[in-house]
Amino acid sequence: MGVFGGGVLPNANRWLGQFGLDPAPSLASFTKLEILGKDAYIVEASGDLKASMGNEGAKDQGLLGFVRQSGEETITLKIVGPAADVAAQKEAFLAYASSLEFVDTHLLEKR
């Protein structure tokens, strides 16, 4: 899991761009799920993963993740791998994401 700046839609669109997909026009394009007490947006992509920093690129890959705003920071969690493997883990990933809780008071203050 990561905590970054940049906002929800830009981060989600960056992930889509890693697969050569068009950016989403708005957050309404994504499924919402409550994670850590607020709406998070589920991002899914599949196809050929483009090469980028730290990754050589690969064919037939999948991505499943969430992006959620926390104060001025953005919380993300994603899995990337062979498309069939990512699809097979969707229910487990969403259950795990829904079970997350804040334990660091620094993050809790930004809820």
N, C-alpha and C. Protein backbone atom coordinates (compact mmCIF):
# COMPACT_ATOMS: atom_id res chain seq x y z
N MET A 1 0.86 -1.16 0.00
CA MET A 1 0.00 0.00 0.00
C MET A 1 0.90 1.21 0.00
N GLY A 2 0.47 2.27 -0.65
CA GLY A 2 1.25 3.49 -0.70
C GLY A 2 0.41 4.70 -0.34
N VAL A 3 1.07 5.73 0.13
CA VAL A 3 0.44 7.01 0.40
C VAL A 3 1.20 8.04 -0.41
N PHE A 4 0.51 8.70 -1.32
CA PHE A 4 1.14 9.60 -2.27
C PHE A 4 0.31 10.88 -2.40
N GLY A 5 0.83 11.81 -3.16
CA GLY A 5 0.06 12.98 -3.56
C GLY A 5 -0.51 12.73 -4.93
N GLY A 6 -1.13 13.74 -5.49
CA GLY A 6 -1.56 13.64 -6.88
C GLY A 6 -3.04 13.49 -7.10
N GLY A 7 -3.78 13.05 -6.12
CA GLY A 7 -5.22 12.94 -6.28
C GLY A 7 -5.66 11.60 -6.83
N VAL A 8 -6.95 11.34 -6.68
CA VAL A 8 -7.53 10.05 -7.04
C VAL A 8 -7.56 9.85 -8.56
N LEU A 9 -8.19 10.75 -9.27
CA LEU A 9 -8.34 10.55 -10.72
C LEU A 9 -6.99 10.52 -11.45
N PRO A 10 -6.06 11.42 -11.16
CA PRO A 10 -4.77 11.33 -11.84
C PRO A 10 -4.04 10.00 -11.58
N ASN A 11 -4.10 9.49 -10.36
CA ASN A 11 -3.46 8.21 -10.07
C ASN A 11 -4.15 7.08 -10.81
N ALA A 12 -5.47 7.06 -10.80
CA ALA A 12 -6.22 6.02 -11.51
C ALA A 12 -5.89 6.07 -13.01
N ASN A 13 -5.86 7.26 -13.56
CA ASN A 13 -5.57 7.40 -15.00
C ASN A 13 -4.13 7.03 -15.33
N ARG A 14 -3.21 7.26 -14.41
CA ARG A 14 -1.82 6.84 -14.62
C ARG A 14 -1.76 5.32 -14.75
N TRP A 15 -2.51 4.62 -13.89
CA TRP A 15 -2.55 3.15 -13.97
C TRP A 15 -3.15 2.70 -15.31
N LEU A 16 -4.24 3.33 -15.72
CA LEU A 16 -4.85 2.97 -17.01
C LEU A 16 -3.86 3.21 -18.14
N GLY A 17 -3.13 4.31 -18.06
CA GLY A 17 -2.15 4.64 -19.09
C GLY A 17 -1.03 3.61 -19.20
N GLN A 18 -0.73 2.92 -18.11
CA GLN A 18 0.30 1.88 -18.15
C GLN A 18 -0.11 0.72 -19.05
N PHE A 19 -1.40 0.66 -19.37
CA PHE A 19 -1.92 -0.38 -20.27
C PHE A 19 -2.32 0.22 -21.62
N GLY A 20 -1.98 1.48 -21.84
CA GLY A 20 -2.32 2.13 -23.09
C GLY A 20 -3.79 2.45 -23.21
N LEU A 21 -4.50 2.48 -22.09
CA LEU A 21 -5.94 2.76 -22.10
C LEU A 21 -6.18 4.26 -21.97
N ASP A 22 -7.31 4.70 -22.52
CA ASP A 22 -7.67 6.11 -22.42
C ASP A 22 -7.97 6.49 -20.99
N PRO A 23 -7.66 7.72 -20.61
CA PRO A 23 -7.98 8.16 -19.25
C PRO A 23 -9.49 8.23 -19.04
N ALA A 24 -9.90 7.96 -17.81
CA ALA A 24 -11.31 8.09 -17.44
C ALA A 24 -11.64 9.58 -17.32
N PRO A 25 -12.81 10.00 -17.79
CA PRO A 25 -13.16 11.42 -17.71
C PRO A 25 -13.50 11.89 -16.30
N SER A 26 -13.95 10.95 -15.45
CA SER A 26 -14.33 11.33 -14.09
C SER A 26 -14.30 10.09 -13.20
N LEU A 27 -14.43 10.31 -11.91
CA LEU A 27 -14.46 9.20 -10.96
C LEU A 27 -15.72 8.35 -11.12
N ALA A 28 -16.74 8.89 -11.76
CA ALA A 28 -17.97 8.12 -12.00
C ALA A 28 -17.69 6.90 -12.89
N SER A 29 -16.55 6.87 -13.55
CA SER A 29 -16.18 5.74 -14.41
C SER A 29 -15.77 4.51 -13.61
N PHE A 30 -15.53 4.67 -12.31
CA PHE A 30 -15.02 3.59 -11.48
C PHE A 30 -16.07 3.13 -10.47
N THR A 31 -15.97 1.87 -10.08
CA THR A 31 -16.81 1.32 -9.01
C THR A 31 -16.30 1.87 -7.68
N LYS A 32 -17.22 2.24 -6.79
CA LYS A 32 -16.85 2.70 -5.46
C LYS A 32 -16.97 1.57 -4.46
N LEU A 33 -16.08 1.59 -3.47
CA LEU A 33 -16.11 0.64 -2.38
C LEU A 33 -15.60 1.36 -1.15
N GLU A 34 -16.28 1.19 -0.01
CA GLU A 34 -15.80 1.84 1.20
C GLU A 34 -14.56 1.12 1.71
N ILE A 35 -13.48 1.88 1.83
CA ILE A 35 -12.21 1.36 2.33
C ILE A 35 -11.67 2.39 3.31
N LEU A 36 -11.30 1.95 4.48
CA LEU A 36 -10.77 2.83 5.51
C LEU A 36 -11.76 3.95 5.83
N GLY A 37 -13.04 3.63 5.81
CA GLY A 37 -14.07 4.56 6.23
C GLY A 37 -14.51 5.60 5.22
N LYS A 38 -13.98 5.56 4.00
CA LYS A 38 -14.38 6.51 2.96
C LYS A 38 -14.47 5.80 1.62
N ASP A 39 -15.10 6.47 0.65
CA ASP A 39 -15.19 5.90 -0.69
C ASP A 39 -13.80 5.78 -1.30
N ALA A 40 -13.55 4.62 -1.86
CA ALA A 40 -12.36 4.37 -2.66
C ALA A 40 -12.85 3.98 -4.05
N TYR A 41 -12.00 4.11 -5.03
CA TYR A 41 -12.37 3.84 -6.41
C TYR A 41 -11.55 2.67 -6.92
N ILE A 42 -12.25 1.66 -7.44
CA ILE A 42 -11.62 0.44 -7.90
C ILE A 42 -11.18 0.63 -9.36
N VAL A 43 -9.91 0.36 -9.62
CA VAL A 43 -9.35 0.50 -10.95
C VAL A 43 -8.99 -0.90 -11.46
N GLU A 44 -9.46 -1.20 -12.65
CA GLU A 44 -9.16 -2.48 -13.28
C GLU A 44 -8.66 -2.23 -14.70
N ALA A 45 -7.65 -2.97 -15.10
CA ALA A 45 -7.13 -2.86 -16.46
C ALA A 45 -6.53 -4.21 -16.85
N SER A 46 -6.52 -4.46 -18.15
CA SER A 46 -5.86 -5.67 -18.63
C SER A 46 -5.40 -5.43 -20.06
N GLY A 47 -4.44 -6.23 -20.45
CA GLY A 47 -3.85 -6.10 -21.77
C GLY A 47 -2.34 -6.14 -21.66
N ASP A 48 -1.69 -5.44 -22.56
CA ASP A 48 -0.23 -5.41 -22.55
C ASP A 48 0.24 -4.26 -21.67
N LEU A 49 1.02 -4.58 -20.65
CA LEU A 49 1.59 -3.59 -19.74
C LEU A 49 2.78 -2.96 -20.43
N LYS A 50 2.76 -1.64 -20.53
CA LYS A 50 3.85 -0.93 -21.18
C LYS A 50 5.08 -0.89 -20.28
N ALA A 51 6.23 -0.89 -20.89
CA ALA A 51 7.48 -0.76 -20.14
C ALA A 51 7.53 0.63 -19.51
N SER A 52 8.02 0.69 -18.27
CA SER A 52 8.19 1.95 -17.57
C SER A 52 9.28 1.77 -16.53
N MET A 53 9.50 2.78 -15.72
CA MET A 53 10.55 2.69 -14.71
C MET A 53 10.34 1.45 -13.84
N GLY A 54 11.37 0.62 -13.75
CA GLY A 54 11.31 -0.54 -12.89
C GLY A 54 10.51 -1.71 -13.45
N ASN A 55 10.04 -1.62 -14.69
CA ASN A 55 9.24 -2.70 -15.25
C ASN A 55 9.52 -2.78 -16.75
N GLU A 56 9.76 -3.99 -17.21
CA GLU A 56 10.12 -4.21 -18.61
C GLU A 56 8.91 -4.28 -19.53
N GLY A 57 7.72 -4.28 -18.96
CA GLY A 57 6.52 -4.47 -19.76
C GLY A 57 6.27 -5.95 -19.96
N ALA A 58 5.02 -6.31 -20.24
CA ALA A 58 4.67 -7.71 -20.44
C ALA A 58 3.32 -7.80 -21.13
N LYS A 59 3.14 -8.87 -21.86
CA LYS A 59 1.86 -9.11 -22.55
C LYS A 59 0.87 -9.79 -21.61
N ASP A 60 -0.42 -9.57 -21.89
CA ASP A 60 -1.53 -10.23 -21.19
C ASP A 60 -1.44 -10.09 -19.67
N GLN A 61 -1.35 -8.86 -19.21
CA GLN A 61 -1.25 -8.56 -17.79
C GLN A 61 -2.57 -7.98 -17.29
N GLY A 62 -2.75 -8.00 -16.00
CA GLY A 62 -3.93 -7.41 -15.38
C GLY A 62 -3.53 -6.54 -14.21
N LEU A 63 -4.37 -5.60 -13.89
CA LEU A 63 -4.19 -4.71 -12.74
C LEU A 63 -5.51 -4.60 -12.02
N LEU A 64 -5.46 -4.66 -10.71
CA LEU A 64 -6.62 -4.43 -9.86
C LEU A 64 -6.13 -3.63 -8.67
N GLY A 65 -6.78 -2.52 -8.40
CA GLY A 65 -6.34 -1.70 -7.28
C GLY A 65 -7.42 -0.75 -6.83
N PHE A 66 -7.10 0.00 -5.77
CA PHE A 66 -7.99 1.07 -5.35
C PHE A 66 -7.18 2.33 -5.12
N VAL A 67 -7.89 3.44 -5.25
CA VAL A 67 -7.33 4.76 -4.99
C VAL A 67 -8.32 5.47 -4.08
N ARG A 68 -7.82 6.10 -3.01
CA ARG A 68 -8.68 6.76 -2.02
C ARG A 68 -8.00 8.01 -1.51
N GLN A 69 -8.77 9.07 -1.38
CA GLN A 69 -8.24 10.33 -0.85
C GLN A 69 -8.18 10.26 0.67
N SER A 70 -7.13 10.81 1.25
CA SER A 70 -6.96 10.90 2.70
C SER A 70 -6.35 12.26 3.00
N GLY A 71 -7.20 13.25 3.27
CA GLY A 71 -6.68 14.60 3.45
C GLY A 71 -6.06 15.06 2.14
N GLU A 72 -4.83 15.51 2.20
CA GLU A 72 -4.14 15.95 0.98
C GLU A 72 -3.38 14.82 0.31
N GLU A 73 -3.39 13.65 0.91
CA GLU A 73 -2.66 12.51 0.35
C GLU A 73 -3.63 11.51 -0.26
N THR A 74 -3.08 10.63 -1.07
CA THR A 74 -3.85 9.61 -1.76
C THR A 74 -3.33 8.25 -1.32
N ILE A 75 -4.23 7.35 -0.95
CA ILE A 75 -3.86 6.01 -0.53
C ILE A 75 -4.17 5.06 -1.69
N THR A 76 -3.20 4.20 -2.03
CA THR A 76 -3.38 3.26 -3.12
C THR A 76 -2.93 1.86 -2.71
N LEU A 77 -3.53 0.89 -3.34
CA LEU A 77 -3.10 -0.50 -3.21
C LEU A 77 -3.46 -1.18 -4.51
N LYS A 78 -2.51 -1.92 -5.10
CA LYS A 78 -2.81 -2.59 -6.36
C LYS A 78 -2.04 -3.89 -6.47
N ILE A 79 -2.56 -4.76 -7.33
CA ILE A 79 -1.84 -5.96 -7.74
C ILE A 79 -1.73 -5.93 -9.26
N VAL A 80 -0.61 -6.39 -9.75
CA VAL A 80 -0.36 -6.47 -11.19
C VAL A 80 0.29 -7.82 -11.45
N GLY A 81 -0.13 -8.48 -12.49
CA GLY A 81 0.45 -9.76 -12.85
C GLY A 81 -0.29 -10.33 -14.04
N PRO A 82 -0.05 -11.59 -14.35
CA PRO A 82 -0.78 -12.21 -15.45
C PRO A 82 -2.29 -12.01 -15.29
N ALA A 83 -2.94 -11.61 -16.37
CA ALA A 83 -4.36 -11.22 -16.30
C ALA A 83 -5.23 -12.29 -15.64
N ALA A 84 -5.02 -13.54 -15.96
CA ALA A 84 -5.85 -14.61 -15.39
C ALA A 84 -5.63 -14.71 -13.88
N ASP A 85 -4.40 -14.53 -13.43
CA ASP A 85 -4.10 -14.61 -12.00
C ASP A 85 -4.74 -13.44 -11.25
N VAL A 86 -4.64 -12.24 -11.82
CA VAL A 86 -5.25 -11.07 -11.17
C VAL A 86 -6.76 -11.24 -11.10
N ALA A 87 -7.37 -11.68 -12.19
CA ALA A 87 -8.83 -11.89 -12.20
C ALA A 87 -9.24 -12.92 -11.16
N ALA A 88 -8.45 -13.97 -11.00
CA ALA A 88 -8.78 -15.02 -10.04
C ALA A 88 -8.70 -14.52 -8.59
N GLN A 89 -7.95 -13.45 -8.36
CA GLN A 89 -7.78 -12.92 -7.00
C GLN A 89 -8.68 -11.72 -6.69
N LYS A 90 -9.57 -11.38 -7.61
CA LYS A 90 -10.38 -10.17 -7.43
C LYS A 90 -11.17 -10.19 -6.13
N GLU A 91 -11.93 -11.23 -5.87
CA GLU A 91 -12.74 -11.27 -4.65
C GLU A 91 -11.88 -11.19 -3.40
N ALA A 92 -10.77 -11.91 -3.38
CA ALA A 92 -9.86 -11.90 -2.22
C ALA A 92 -9.25 -10.51 -2.04
N PHE A 93 -8.86 -9.87 -3.13
CA PHE A 93 -8.28 -8.53 -3.05
C PHE A 93 -9.28 -7.53 -2.49
N LEU A 94 -10.51 -7.56 -3.01
CA LEU A 94 -11.52 -6.61 -2.54
C LEU A 94 -11.88 -6.87 -1.08
N ALA A 95 -11.94 -8.12 -0.67
CA ALA A 95 -12.20 -8.45 0.73
C ALA A 95 -11.07 -7.93 1.62
N TYR A 96 -9.84 -8.14 1.18
CA TYR A 96 -8.69 -7.64 1.93
C TYR A 96 -8.73 -6.12 2.04
N ALA A 97 -8.95 -5.44 0.91
CA ALA A 97 -8.99 -3.98 0.91
C ALA A 97 -10.09 -3.46 1.84
N SER A 98 -11.23 -4.12 1.84
CA SER A 98 -12.35 -3.71 2.71
C SER A 98 -12.05 -3.94 4.18
N SER A 99 -11.11 -4.83 4.48
CA SER A 99 -10.80 -5.15 5.88
C SER A 99 -9.73 -4.24 6.47
N LEU A 100 -9.11 -3.40 5.68
CA LEU A 100 -8.02 -2.56 6.17
C LEU A 100 -8.52 -1.59 7.24
N GLU A 101 -7.66 -1.32 8.21
CA GLU A 101 -7.97 -0.36 9.27
C GLU A 101 -6.77 0.53 9.49
N PHE A 102 -7.03 1.77 9.90
CA PHE A 102 -5.94 2.67 10.27
C PHE A 102 -5.38 2.24 11.62
N VAL A 103 -4.07 2.18 11.74
CA VAL A 103 -3.43 1.91 13.02
C VAL A 103 -2.39 2.97 13.35
N ASP A 104 -1.98 3.74 12.37
CA ASP A 104 -1.00 4.81 12.56
C ASP A 104 -1.77 6.10 12.79
N THR A 105 -1.59 6.72 13.94
CA THR A 105 -2.36 7.93 14.25
C THR A 105 -2.06 9.05 13.27
N HIS A 106 -0.89 9.06 12.63
CA HIS A 106 -0.59 10.06 11.61
C HIS A 106 -1.60 9.97 10.48
N LEU A 107 -1.88 8.76 10.01
CA LEU A 107 -2.86 8.58 8.95
C LEU A 107 -4.27 8.83 9.45
N LEU A 108 -4.56 8.42 10.68
CA LEU A 108 -5.88 8.56 11.24
C LEU A 108 -6.31 10.02 11.29
N GLU A 109 -5.39 10.93 11.56
CA GLU A 109 -5.71 12.36 11.62
C GLU A 109 -6.15 12.89 10.28
N LYS A 110 -5.78 12.24 9.19
CA LYS A 110 -6.10 12.72 7.84
C LYS A 110 -7.38 12.12 7.29
N ARG A 111 -8.03 11.29 8.05
CA ARG A 111 -9.25 10.62 7.56
C ARG A 111 -10.23 11.65 7.14
